[in-house]
Amino acid sequence: MSFSDTRQLVQVFDDDEAVWRAFSARKRLRDILGPEHPLTGEIADALDWIWAERHAGPLRAIGIPMP
């Protein structure tokens, strides 16, 4: 595996982790607010996931690999 492949894998992981953290925060907030939500859990999760993919900022969960 070359250095550029490693960098690409790290970037994919960091991007996925940023989306997961944004989604988790929204889901926790929804859980705190209670079950009065008019949508089913699956639909609310799907909408939160879409929101997270669009709004997740850059994140360095792993960092920069050394050559």
N, C-alpha and C. Protein backbone atom coordinates (compact mmCIF):
# COMPACT_ATOMS: atom_id res chain seq x y z
N MET A 1 0.85 -1.17 0.00
CA MET A 1 0.00 0.00 0.00
C MET A 1 0.90 1.23 0.00
N SER A 2 0.62 2.13 -0.92
CA SER A 2 1.43 3.33 -1.03
C SER A 2 0.98 4.39 -0.01
N PHE A 3 1.81 5.41 0.13
CA PHE A 3 1.51 6.49 1.06
C PHE A 3 0.23 7.21 0.66
N SER A 4 0.03 7.41 -0.65
CA SER A 4 -1.19 8.11 -1.11
C SER A 4 -2.43 7.27 -0.82
N ASP A 5 -2.32 5.94 -0.92
CA ASP A 5 -3.46 5.07 -0.57
C ASP A 5 -3.79 5.19 0.91
N THR A 6 -2.76 5.22 1.74
CA THR A 6 -2.95 5.36 3.18
C THR A 6 -3.61 6.69 3.51
N ARG A 7 -3.13 7.74 2.87
CA ARG A 7 -3.72 9.08 3.08
C ARG A 7 -5.19 9.10 2.68
N GLN A 8 -5.50 8.44 1.57
CA GLN A 8 -6.89 8.41 1.10
C GLN A 8 -7.77 7.63 2.08
N LEU A 9 -7.29 6.51 2.60
CA LEU A 9 -8.05 5.74 3.58
C LEU A 9 -8.28 6.55 4.86
N VAL A 10 -7.26 7.28 5.30
CA VAL A 10 -7.39 8.11 6.48
C VAL A 10 -8.43 9.20 6.24
N GLN A 11 -8.41 9.81 5.06
CA GLN A 11 -9.38 10.86 4.75
C GLN A 11 -10.81 10.31 4.71
N VAL A 12 -10.98 9.14 4.14
CA VAL A 12 -12.31 8.51 4.10
C VAL A 12 -12.79 8.22 5.52
N PHE A 13 -11.91 7.68 6.36
CA PHE A 13 -12.28 7.40 7.74
C PHE A 13 -12.67 8.69 8.47
N ASP A 14 -11.84 9.73 8.33
CA ASP A 14 -12.12 10.99 9.00
C ASP A 14 -13.46 11.58 8.54
N ASP A 15 -13.74 11.52 7.25
CA ASP A 15 -15.00 12.03 6.73
C ASP A 15 -16.18 11.25 7.30
N ASP A 16 -16.06 9.92 7.32
CA ASP A 16 -17.13 9.08 7.87
C ASP A 16 -17.33 9.35 9.36
N GLU A 17 -16.24 9.53 10.09
CA GLU A 17 -16.32 9.80 11.52
C GLU A 17 -17.00 11.14 11.79
N ALA A 18 -16.72 12.14 10.97
CA ALA A 18 -17.35 13.45 11.13
C ALA A 18 -18.86 13.35 10.94
N VAL A 19 -19.28 12.60 9.92
CA VAL A 19 -20.71 12.42 9.68
C VAL A 19 -21.34 11.67 10.84
N TRP A 20 -20.68 10.61 11.30
CA TRP A 20 -21.24 9.82 12.41
C TRP A 20 -21.40 10.67 13.67
N ARG A 21 -20.41 11.50 13.98
CA ARG A 21 -20.50 12.33 15.17
C ARG A 21 -21.62 13.36 15.06
N ALA A 22 -21.78 13.96 13.87
CA ALA A 22 -22.87 14.93 13.67
C ALA A 22 -24.22 14.24 13.80
N PHE A 23 -24.35 13.04 13.21
CA PHE A 23 -25.60 12.28 13.31
C PHE A 23 -25.89 11.90 14.76
N SER A 24 -24.89 11.43 15.47
CA SER A 24 -25.08 11.00 16.86
C SER A 24 -25.54 12.16 17.73
N ALA A 25 -24.98 13.34 17.50
CA ALA A 25 -25.38 14.51 18.29
C ALA A 25 -26.85 14.85 18.05
N ARG A 26 -27.29 14.79 16.80
CA ARG A 26 -28.69 15.08 16.49
C ARG A 26 -29.61 14.02 17.07
N LYS A 27 -29.19 12.77 17.00
CA LYS A 27 -30.02 11.68 17.55
C LYS A 27 -30.14 11.81 19.07
N ARG A 28 -29.04 12.13 19.74
CA ARG A 28 -29.09 12.34 21.20
C ARG A 28 -30.03 13.49 21.56
N LEU A 29 -29.96 14.57 20.79
CA LEU A 29 -30.83 15.71 21.03
C LEU A 29 -32.30 15.30 20.87
N ARG A 30 -32.58 14.53 19.83
CA ARG A 30 -33.95 14.05 19.61
C ARG A 30 -34.41 13.17 20.75
N ASP A 31 -33.52 12.34 21.28
CA ASP A 31 -33.86 11.47 22.41
C ASP A 31 -34.14 12.30 23.67
N ILE A 32 -33.37 13.36 23.87
CA ILE A 32 -33.57 14.22 25.03
C ILE A 32 -34.90 14.96 24.94
N LEU A 33 -35.25 15.41 23.74
CA LEU A 33 -36.48 16.18 23.56
C LEU A 33 -37.74 15.34 23.75
N GLY A 34 -37.62 14.05 23.61
CA GLY A 34 -38.76 13.18 23.89
C GLY A 34 -39.45 12.62 22.66
N PRO A 35 -40.44 11.77 22.90
CA PRO A 35 -41.10 11.04 21.81
C PRO A 35 -42.22 11.83 21.12
N GLU A 36 -42.35 13.12 21.36
CA GLU A 36 -43.42 13.90 20.74
C GLU A 36 -43.16 14.20 19.27
N HIS A 37 -42.12 13.65 18.72
CA HIS A 37 -41.75 13.88 17.33
C HIS A 37 -42.79 13.25 16.41
N PRO A 38 -43.28 13.98 15.40
CA PRO A 38 -44.35 13.44 14.54
C PRO A 38 -43.88 12.37 13.55
N LEU A 39 -42.57 12.20 13.39
CA LEU A 39 -42.04 11.22 12.43
C LEU A 39 -41.68 9.92 13.13
N THR A 40 -41.67 8.83 12.37
CA THR A 40 -41.22 7.56 12.92
C THR A 40 -39.71 7.63 13.15
N GLY A 41 -39.20 6.73 13.97
CA GLY A 41 -37.77 6.71 14.26
C GLY A 41 -36.91 6.52 13.03
N GLU A 42 -37.33 5.65 12.12
CA GLU A 42 -36.55 5.39 10.91
C GLU A 42 -36.49 6.62 10.02
N ILE A 43 -37.61 7.30 9.87
CA ILE A 43 -37.63 8.50 9.02
C ILE A 43 -36.80 9.61 9.66
N ALA A 44 -36.94 9.79 10.96
CA ALA A 44 -36.16 10.81 11.65
C ALA A 44 -34.67 10.50 11.55
N ASP A 45 -34.29 9.23 11.70
CA ASP A 45 -32.87 8.84 11.55
C ASP A 45 -32.37 9.15 10.15
N ALA A 46 -33.17 8.83 9.14
CA ALA A 46 -32.77 9.07 7.75
C ALA A 46 -32.58 10.56 7.49
N LEU A 47 -33.51 11.37 7.99
CA LEU A 47 -33.38 12.82 7.82
C LEU A 47 -32.17 13.37 8.57
N ASP A 48 -31.93 12.87 9.77
CA ASP A 48 -30.75 13.31 10.53
C ASP A 48 -29.46 12.90 9.82
N TRP A 49 -29.45 11.72 9.21
CA TRP A 49 -28.25 11.26 8.49
C TRP A 49 -27.98 12.15 7.29
N ILE A 50 -29.03 12.49 6.55
CA ILE A 50 -28.86 13.39 5.40
C ILE A 50 -28.33 14.74 5.86
N TRP A 51 -28.90 15.26 6.96
CA TRP A 51 -28.42 16.53 7.50
C TRP A 51 -26.94 16.44 7.88
N ALA A 52 -26.57 15.35 8.54
CA ALA A 52 -25.17 15.18 8.99
C ALA A 52 -24.21 15.11 7.80
N GLU A 53 -24.61 14.42 6.73
CA GLU A 53 -23.74 14.34 5.55
C GLU A 53 -23.50 15.71 4.94
N ARG A 54 -24.51 16.56 5.00
CA ARG A 54 -24.37 17.89 4.39
C ARG A 54 -23.67 18.89 5.30
N HIS A 55 -23.76 18.73 6.60
CA HIS A 55 -23.27 19.75 7.52
C HIS A 55 -22.05 19.33 8.36
N ALA A 56 -21.61 18.11 8.25
CA ALA A 56 -20.46 17.67 9.05
C ALA A 56 -19.21 18.40 8.58
N GLY A 57 -18.51 19.00 9.51
CA GLY A 57 -17.30 19.73 9.17
C GLY A 57 -16.09 18.80 9.11
N PRO A 58 -14.96 19.32 8.72
CA PRO A 58 -13.75 18.50 8.67
C PRO A 58 -13.36 18.03 10.06
N LEU A 59 -12.80 16.85 10.12
CA LEU A 59 -12.41 16.26 11.39
C LEU A 59 -11.16 15.42 11.17
N ARG A 60 -10.22 15.50 12.09
CA ARG A 60 -9.03 14.65 12.03
C ARG A 60 -9.12 13.64 13.16
N ALA A 61 -9.86 12.58 12.93
CA ALA A 61 -10.00 11.53 13.95
C ALA A 61 -8.71 10.72 14.07
N ILE A 62 -8.04 10.51 12.96
CA ILE A 62 -6.81 9.72 12.96
C ILE A 62 -5.60 10.63 12.96
N GLY A 63 -5.63 11.68 12.18
CA GLY A 63 -4.48 12.56 12.04
C GLY A 63 -3.81 12.38 10.70
N ILE A 64 -2.60 12.80 10.62
CA ILE A 64 -1.86 12.74 9.35
C ILE A 64 -0.88 11.56 9.43
N PRO A 65 -0.98 10.61 8.49
CA PRO A 65 -0.03 9.50 8.51
C PRO A 65 1.37 9.96 8.15
N MET A 66 2.33 9.38 8.79
CA MET A 66 3.73 9.72 8.52
C MET A 66 4.26 8.80 7.42
N PRO A 67 5.03 9.34 6.48
CA PRO A 67 5.56 8.50 5.38
C PRO A 67 6.65 7.55 5.87
